[in-house]
Protein backbone atom coordinates (compact mmCIF):
# COMPACT_ATOMS: atom_id res chain seq x y z
CA MET A 1 -29.67 30.02 -5.34
CA SER A 2 -31.85 30.20 -2.21
CA ARG A 3 -30.49 31.32 1.15
CA ARG A 4 -30.90 27.76 2.41
CA GLU A 5 -28.94 26.35 -0.51
CA GLU A 6 -26.22 28.96 0.02
CA ARG A 7 -25.89 27.86 3.65
CA ARG A 8 -25.71 24.20 2.58
CA GLN A 9 -23.00 24.92 0.02
CA ALA A 10 -21.02 26.95 2.56
CA ALA A 11 -21.25 24.08 5.07
CA THR A 12 -20.18 21.60 2.38
CA ASP A 13 -17.16 23.71 1.42
CA ALA A 14 -16.17 24.02 5.10
CA ALA A 15 -16.43 20.23 5.51
CA LEU A 16 -14.33 19.67 2.37
CA ARG A 17 -11.62 21.97 3.75
CA ALA A 18 -11.75 20.10 7.06
CA LEU A 19 -11.36 16.79 5.22
CA GLU A 20 -8.31 18.14 3.41
CA ARG A 21 -6.80 19.00 6.78
CA PHE A 22 -7.65 15.54 8.13
CA TRP A 23 -6.19 13.70 5.14
CA GLN A 24 -3.47 16.35 4.63
CA LEU A 25 -3.91 16.53 0.88
CA ARG A 26 -5.94 18.39 -1.71
CA LEU A 27 -9.11 16.70 -2.89
CA PRO A 28 -9.84 16.07 -6.58
CA GLU A 29 -12.21 18.60 -8.07
CA LEU A 30 -14.60 15.81 -9.09
CA PHE A 31 -14.77 14.68 -5.46
CA ARG A 32 -15.64 18.23 -4.41
CA SER A 33 -18.23 18.51 -7.17
CA LEU A 34 -19.86 15.24 -6.14
CA TYR A 35 -20.42 16.39 -2.56
CA ARG A 36 -21.54 19.85 -3.59
CA GLN A 37 -24.27 18.10 -5.58
CA GLN A 38 -25.43 15.67 -2.88
CA GLU A 39 -24.78 15.37 0.85
CA GLN A 40 -24.54 11.57 0.69
CA PRO A 41 -23.98 10.54 -2.94
CA PHE A 42 -24.97 7.15 -4.25
CA LEU A 43 -23.63 6.01 -7.60
CA GLY A 44 -23.81 2.56 -9.12
CA HIS A 45 -22.68 0.17 -6.41
CA CYS A 46 -20.99 2.74 -4.12
CA GLU A 47 -22.73 4.42 -1.21
CA PHE A 48 -20.50 7.34 -0.28
CA PHE A 49 -20.09 8.35 3.35
CA THR A 50 -21.20 11.83 4.32
CA LEU A 51 -18.34 14.27 4.82
CA ASP A 52 -19.17 14.44 8.53
CA ALA A 53 -18.93 10.65 8.74
CA ILE A 54 -15.53 10.60 7.02
CA LEU A 55 -14.31 13.31 9.41
CA ALA A 56 -15.58 11.18 12.31
CA GLY A 57 -13.44 8.27 11.08
CA SER A 58 -16.00 6.13 9.22
CA GLY A 59 -14.21 3.30 7.51
CA ARG A 60 -10.98 3.72 9.42
CA GLU A 61 -9.96 0.66 11.42
CA TYR A 62 -7.24 -0.33 13.82
CA GLY A 63 -4.62 -2.15 11.74
CA MET A 64 -5.59 -0.51 8.44
CA LEU A 65 -2.87 0.70 6.08
CA PRO A 66 -2.38 4.41 6.89
CA GLN A 67 -2.22 5.05 3.13
CA LEU A 68 -5.85 3.96 2.63
CA LEU A 69 -8.39 6.80 2.80
CA PRO A 70 -11.94 5.29 2.86
CA PHE A 71 -14.79 7.33 1.42
CA GLY A 72 -17.63 4.87 0.77
CA ARG A 73 -19.08 1.41 1.12
CA ALA A 74 -19.86 -1.18 -1.54
CA VAL A 75 -23.58 -1.90 -1.68
CA ASP A 76 -24.52 -5.43 -0.57
CA GLU A 77 -20.83 -6.32 -0.05
CA GLY A 78 -18.56 -6.42 2.98
CA GLY A 79 -16.08 -3.86 1.78
CA LEU A 80 -15.01 -0.24 1.47
CA TYR A 81 -13.80 2.03 -1.31
CA GLY A 82 -10.97 4.46 -0.67
CA PHE A 83 -8.04 6.34 -2.13
CA TYR A 84 -4.63 4.69 -1.92
CA ALA A 85 -2.01 7.36 -1.28
CA PRO A 86 1.37 5.68 -0.72
CA LEU A 87 3.49 8.69 -1.77
CA GLN A 88 3.77 12.30 -0.63
CA LYS A 89 1.96 14.37 -3.26
CA THR A 90 -0.06 17.56 -3.01
CA GLU A 91 -2.77 16.45 -5.45
CA VAL A 92 -4.92 13.33 -5.40
CA ASP A 93 -6.17 13.53 -8.98
CA GLN A 94 -3.96 10.53 -9.79
CA TRP A 95 -4.49 8.53 -6.61
CA PRO A 96 -5.94 5.11 -7.46
CA VAL A 97 -9.16 3.89 -5.84
CA LEU A 98 -9.02 0.52 -4.06
CA TYR A 99 -11.57 -1.88 -2.63
CA TRP A 100 -10.94 -3.17 0.90
CA ASP A 101 -12.50 -6.61 1.32
CA GLU A 102 -13.35 -6.71 5.02
CA ASP A 103 -14.10 -10.44 4.96
CA GLU A 104 -11.04 -11.66 3.06
CA MET A 105 -8.77 -8.89 4.43
CA PHE A 106 -7.10 -7.79 1.19
CA LEU A 107 -7.08 -4.77 -1.09
CA ARG A 108 -7.62 -4.81 -4.83
CA PRO A 109 -7.52 -2.01 -7.41
CA VAL A 110 -10.75 -0.57 -8.78
CA ALA A 111 -9.78 2.50 -10.82
CA SER A 112 -6.67 4.51 -11.62
CA ASP A 113 -8.12 7.80 -10.34
CA PHE A 114 -11.36 9.25 -9.00
CA GLY A 115 -12.78 10.21 -12.39
CA ALA A 116 -12.17 6.66 -13.62
CA PHE A 117 -13.84 5.37 -10.44
CA LEU A 118 -17.00 7.36 -11.17
CA ARG A 119 -17.07 5.93 -14.70
CA HIS A 120 -16.51 2.47 -13.21
CA CYS A 121 -19.49 2.95 -10.88
CA ALA A 122 -21.73 4.00 -13.77
CA LEU A 123 -20.60 1.08 -15.95
CA VAL A 124 -20.70 -1.64 -13.31
CA GLY A 125 -23.89 -0.26 -11.77
CA ARG A 126 -25.57 -0.44 -15.17
CA TYR A 127 -24.34 -4.00 -15.71
CA GLU A 128 -25.41 -5.23 -12.28
CA LEU A 129 -28.78 -3.51 -12.38
CA GLU A 130 -29.71 -4.96 -15.76
CA GLU A 131 -28.45 -8.39 -14.75
CA GLN A 132 -30.33 -8.52 -11.45
CA TRP A 133 -33.38 -6.34 -12.00
CA ALA A 134 -34.04 -6.33 -15.73
CA GLU A 135 -37.49 -4.77 -15.44
CA MET A 136 -36.56 -1.97 -13.02
CA GLU A 137 -35.96 1.63 -14.05
CA LEU A 138 -32.21 1.92 -14.47
CA TYR A 139 -31.78 5.17 -12.55
CA ASP A 140 -34.25 7.26 -10.60
CA PRO A 141 -34.42 11.00 -11.46
CA GLU A 142 -32.04 11.98 -8.66
CA GLN A 143 -29.50 9.41 -9.83
CA TYR A 144 -29.82 10.58 -13.42
CA GLN A 145 -29.36 14.21 -12.33
CA LEU A 146 -26.14 13.24 -10.56
CA LEU A 147 -24.89 11.36 -13.63
CA ALA A 148 -25.67 14.38 -15.81
CA HIS A 149 -23.86 16.72 -13.41
CA LEU A 150 -20.76 14.48 -13.54
CA GLY A 151 -20.86 14.13 -17.34
CA LEU A 152 -21.85 10.45 -17.12
CA ALA A 153 -25.45 10.56 -18.36
CA HIS A 154 -24.58 8.67 -21.57
CA TYR A 155 -24.00 5.52 -19.50
CA LYS A 156 -27.77 5.34 -18.99
CA ASP A 157 -28.38 4.63 -22.66
CA THR A 158 -25.22 2.90 -23.93
CA PRO A 159 -25.51 -0.84 -24.69
CA CYS A 160 -25.02 -2.94 -21.60
CA PRO A 161 -22.15 -5.49 -21.61
CA ARG A 162 -23.51 -8.98 -22.19
CA ASN A 163 -21.00 -10.83 -20.01
CA GLU A 164 -18.02 -10.37 -17.70
CA THR A 165 -15.50 -10.24 -20.55
CA GLU A 166 -17.40 -7.47 -22.31
CA LEU A 167 -17.69 -5.64 -18.99
CA HIS A 168 -13.91 -5.75 -18.43
CA LEU A 169 -13.30 -4.62 -22.01
CA ALA A 170 -15.63 -1.66 -21.43
CA ILE A 171 -13.89 -0.83 -18.14
CA VAL A 172 -10.46 -0.85 -19.82
CA GLU A 173 -11.77 1.31 -22.65
CA SER A 174 -12.96 3.78 -20.01
CA ASP A 175 -9.82 3.42 -17.85
CA PRO A 176 -6.75 2.00 -19.69
CA GLN A 177 -4.98 1.69 -16.30
CA ALA A 178 -7.69 -0.55 -14.76
CA ALA A 179 -5.34 -3.23 -13.41
CA LEU A 180 -7.97 -5.68 -12.19
CA SER A 181 -9.79 -5.76 -15.52
CA LEU A 182 -6.48 -6.06 -17.38
CA CYS A 183 -5.69 -9.15 -15.30
CA HIS A 184 -9.10 -10.67 -16.00
CA LEU A 185 -8.67 -10.07 -19.73
CA GLY A 186 -5.22 -11.64 -19.57
CA CYS A 187 -6.66 -14.72 -17.90
CA ARG A 188 -9.29 -14.89 -20.63
CA ARG A 189 -6.54 -14.82 -23.29
CA ARG A 190 -4.66 -17.48 -21.43
CA ALA A 191 -7.74 -19.70 -21.31
CA ASN A 192 -7.81 -19.35 -25.11
CA ASN A 193 -4.14 -20.49 -25.32
CA ASP A 194 -2.88 -17.02 -26.27
CA ASP A 195 -0.10 -16.67 -23.69
CA GLU A 196 1.69 -13.82 -25.47
CA ARG A 197 -1.40 -11.63 -25.39
CA ALA A 198 -2.02 -12.70 -21.80
CA LEU A 199 1.47 -11.56 -20.83
CA ASP A 200 0.82 -8.21 -22.52
CA TYR A 201 -2.23 -7.71 -20.32
CA PHE A 202 -0.39 -8.79 -17.16
CA HIS A 203 2.56 -6.47 -17.90
CA ARG A 204 0.15 -3.58 -18.46
CA ALA A 205 -1.54 -4.35 -15.14
CA ALA A 206 1.81 -4.45 -13.32
CA GLU A 207 2.78 -1.07 -14.79
CA ALA A 208 -0.63 0.43 -14.01
CA ALA A 209 -0.61 -0.74 -10.37
CA PRO A 210 3.01 -1.47 -9.34
CA TRP A 211 1.91 -1.89 -5.72
CA PHE A 212 -0.49 -4.77 -6.63
CA GLY A 213 1.06 -8.23 -6.32
CA ASP A 214 -1.32 -10.30 -8.46
CA PRO A 215 0.01 -9.38 -11.94
CA CYS A 216 3.47 -10.66 -10.94
CA TYR A 217 1.95 -13.95 -9.82
CA LEU A 218 -0.02 -14.28 -13.04
CA MET A 219 3.11 -13.68 -15.11
CA ALA A 220 5.06 -16.19 -13.01
CA ASP A 221 2.45 -18.86 -13.71
CA VAL A 222 2.76 -18.34 -17.47
CA TYR A 223 6.55 -18.67 -17.28
CA ARG A 224 6.25 -21.74 -15.02
CA GLU A 225 4.02 -23.47 -17.53
CA ARG A 226 6.48 -22.59 -20.31
CA GLY A 227 9.35 -24.09 -18.31
CA ASP A 228 11.14 -20.73 -17.94
CA LEU A 229 11.68 -21.21 -14.21
CA ALA A 230 14.38 -18.57 -13.83
CA ARG A 231 11.95 -15.93 -15.09
CA ALA A 232 9.13 -17.42 -13.01
CA THR A 233 11.20 -17.11 -9.82
CA GLU A 234 11.80 -13.42 -10.60
CA GLU A 235 8.05 -12.83 -10.64
CA TRP A 236 7.36 -14.95 -7.54
CA TRP A 237 10.06 -12.99 -5.76
CA ALA A 238 8.41 -9.78 -6.94
CA VAL A 239 5.16 -10.95 -5.29
CA LEU A 240 6.99 -11.28 -1.96
CA ASN A 241 8.24 -7.72 -2.28
CA HIS A 242 4.63 -6.48 -2.21
CA LEU A 243 2.55 -5.92 0.89
CA ILE A 244 0.62 -9.02 1.97
CA PRO A 245 -2.78 -7.20 1.97
CA LEU A 246 -2.07 -6.02 -1.60
CA CYS A 247 -2.10 -9.60 -2.87
CA THR A 248 -5.44 -11.42 -3.27
CA ARG A 249 -6.39 -15.10 -3.56
CA THR A 250 -5.86 -17.53 -6.42
CA TRP A 251 -9.59 -18.10 -6.84
CA GLU A 252 -9.96 -14.50 -7.99
CA TRP A 253 -8.52 -15.66 -11.32
CA ASP A 254 -9.60 -18.20 -13.92
CA LEU A 255 -6.49 -20.39 -13.92
CA GLY A 256 -7.95 -23.87 -14.20
CA ALA A 257 -9.00 -26.56 -11.76
CA ASP A 258 -5.43 -27.70 -11.00
CA HIS A 259 -4.52 -24.45 -9.23
CA PRO A 260 -4.62 -24.37 -5.41
CA GLU A 261 -7.16 -22.18 -3.67
CA ALA A 262 -4.87 -20.18 -1.44
CA ASP A 263 -3.33 -16.79 -0.80
CA ILE A 264 -1.28 -15.63 -3.76
CA TYR A 265 1.48 -14.57 -1.37
CA GLU A 266 1.59 -18.06 0.14
CA VAL A 267 1.62 -19.80 -3.24
CA ALA A 268 4.48 -17.57 -4.41
CA ALA A 269 6.51 -18.40 -1.29
CA ASP A 270 5.85 -22.13 -1.73
CA ALA A 271 6.91 -21.92 -5.39
CA LEU A 272 10.22 -20.33 -4.40
CA VAL A 273 10.83 -23.19 -1.97
CA GLN A 274 10.19 -25.68 -4.77
CA TYR A 275 12.26 -23.86 -7.40
CA SER A 276 14.84 -22.11 -5.21
CA ARG A 277 17.74 -23.44 -7.30
CA TYR A 278 16.57 -21.26 -10.21
CA ALA A 279 16.46 -18.06 -8.16
CA ASP A 280 19.01 -15.30 -8.55
CA ALA A 281 21.67 -15.20 -5.82
CA ARG A 282 20.61 -11.62 -5.00
CA PHE A 283 17.21 -12.89 -3.91
CA ARG A 284 18.61 -15.64 -1.72
CA SER A 285 20.92 -13.19 0.07
CA ASP A 286 18.09 -10.80 0.96
CA PRO A 287 16.85 -11.12 4.59
CA LEU A 288 13.31 -11.43 3.21
CA TRP A 289 14.20 -14.73 1.52
CA HIS A 290 14.87 -16.56 4.78
CA VAL A 291 11.73 -15.24 6.52
CA ALA A 292 9.26 -15.67 3.64
CA VAL A 293 10.67 -18.80 1.99
CA PHE A 294 12.10 -20.93 4.81
CA ASP A 295 10.27 -19.63 7.88
CA ASP A 296 6.56 -18.92 8.25
CA PRO A 297 5.73 -15.97 5.95
CA TYR A 298 2.72 -15.19 8.17
CA ASP A 299 4.62 -14.93 11.47
CA PRO A 300 4.15 -11.30 12.63
CA LYS A 301 7.05 -11.47 15.06
CA ALA A 302 9.47 -12.61 12.34
CA ARG A 303 8.16 -9.78 10.14
CA GLU A 304 8.78 -7.23 12.88
CA VAL A 305 12.34 -8.47 13.37
CA LEU A 306 12.84 -8.26 9.61
CA GLY A 307 11.56 -4.68 9.62
CA ASN A 308 14.05 -3.75 12.31
CA THR A 309 16.83 -5.42 10.29
CA TYR A 310 16.00 -3.30 7.25
CA LEU A 311 15.72 -0.20 9.42
CA ALA A 312 19.23 -0.79 10.77
CA GLN A 313 20.43 -1.09 7.16
CA GLY A 314 18.81 2.25 6.27
CA ASN A 315 16.35 0.56 3.89
CA PHE A 316 13.28 2.55 4.93
CA GLU A 317 11.04 1.31 2.12
CA ALA A 318 11.57 -2.36 3.05
CA ALA A 319 11.30 -1.57 6.77
CA GLU A 320 7.93 0.10 6.23
CA ARG A 321 6.73 -2.86 4.16
CA GLU A 322 7.62 -5.32 6.90
CA PHE A 323 6.17 -3.24 9.75
CA LEU A 324 2.92 -2.98 7.78
CA ASN A 325 2.98 -6.72 7.03
CA ALA A 326 3.56 -7.47 10.70
CA LEU A 327 0.74 -5.11 11.71
CA THR A 328 -1.66 -6.76 9.26
CA LEU A 329 -0.79 -10.20 10.64
CA ALA A 330 -0.76 -9.22 14.32
CA VAL A 331 -4.10 -7.39 14.46
CA GLY A 332 -6.52 -9.40 16.56
CA GLU A 333 -3.81 -11.01 18.66
CA GLU A 334 -3.88 -10.32 22.38
CA SER A 335 -0.44 -8.76 22.68
CA ASP A 336 1.24 -5.38 22.68
CA GLN A 337 2.84 -6.04 19.28
CA PRO A 338 0.33 -4.03 17.18
CA ASN A 339 0.80 -0.91 19.32
CA ARG A 340 4.57 -1.41 19.18
CA LEU A 341 4.39 -1.66 15.40
CA TYR A 342 2.34 1.53 15.21
CA ASP A 343 5.03 3.25 17.26
CA SER A 344 7.73 1.96 14.89
CA LEU A 345 5.79 3.16 11.85
CA ILE A 346 5.14 6.60 13.34
CA ILE A 347 8.85 7.03 14.12
CA LEU A 348 9.77 5.87 10.59
CA TYR A 349 7.27 8.25 8.96
CA GLU A 350 8.41 11.19 11.06
CA ARG A 351 12.03 10.36 10.36
CA THR A 352 11.38 10.34 6.61
CA GLY A 353 9.19 13.46 6.57
CA ARG A 354 5.90 11.69 5.82
CA SER A 355 3.73 13.69 8.16
CA ARG A 356 0.38 12.60 6.68
CA GLU A 357 1.03 8.92 7.24
CA ALA A 358 2.44 9.59 10.71
CA SER A 359 -0.73 11.50 11.59
CA LEU A 360 -3.08 8.81 10.22
CA ALA A 361 -1.10 6.02 11.90
CA ARG A 362 -1.37 7.94 15.17
CA TYR A 363 -5.12 8.34 14.62
CA ASP A 364 -5.59 4.61 13.89
CA ARG A 365 -3.49 3.60 16.89
CA ALA A 366 -6.02 5.32 19.15
CA LEU A 367 -8.94 3.31 17.68
CA PRO A 368 -10.20 0.25 19.59
CA PRO A 369 -8.54 -2.99 18.43
CA PRO A 370 -10.90 -5.59 16.90
CA ASN A 371 -10.57 -7.86 19.94
CA ALA A 372 -11.23 -5.06 22.48
């Protein structure tokens, strides 16, 4: 190794240690290996930020979930890739990777961990390149060298999926916990009138990404169509117990022309209004029921009050959910509510010993609001 390369590697290692201090967690070894190989990696459809850019706050936004740790941008799309770290752990090898849609303002799962994300990039990059630029060289030498270093070179020569269904099957084969692809495969089964197999896929997706609201909605719709409205209300209620930005839109899924094009969270709330008589009494007695079902589920002030109600009850998990919901809904409004919500979250995180999230919430609070 040349003296220049030694200096570069030393600077990279120093930046990786600084990033661990910033994020307050240990980075996956594959993440370290990626940046030791290239200063600004590019793989498939992900353009990774440089380490210096991540340390300077690239991707972080006022109003973002503190648990989202952005590390790259989707090529030709308005969105970011990042780790989702909702629990206090010392390792991130099992943190899922999410996509933040900056236009639609929701998060969706991409891969169950960073290794699976790299395989996803190689698979999807291959599929998109062959679909859009059939006569182009698949990977330039530098890209191929990176794939070989990461143990992904075989993706250059494996048969390319012929359609979206084959792509999702290949993704699930590579990452059995790929919740988004599991949901797409379930919808495909449902379109073929195989509801039992569809439910299997949706259950697997819910177990793989318990923080993602869409699988619950997809299950509810199967039960609604079957006439099992008691079970359907359980799943709609489960949707409402997820964070609003962790639920997508109905048009993400192939559910037929008679389905409304709306937020999944909104459709679930409307369904509970329509079928409230089938809901368990425990749901109807929860403070969330009144706010989300009979009031406006997108009223940030009502969400903040609900968060304070849960906080007074000692239900910290529900209080955090509602403060984050309120923050998501209030960002962009000309009021002091977003800053107040940040203060509430920081106090809650410090009170519960979640120093990383308190630190990142404090960092984000100091960023300029979108309407500044």
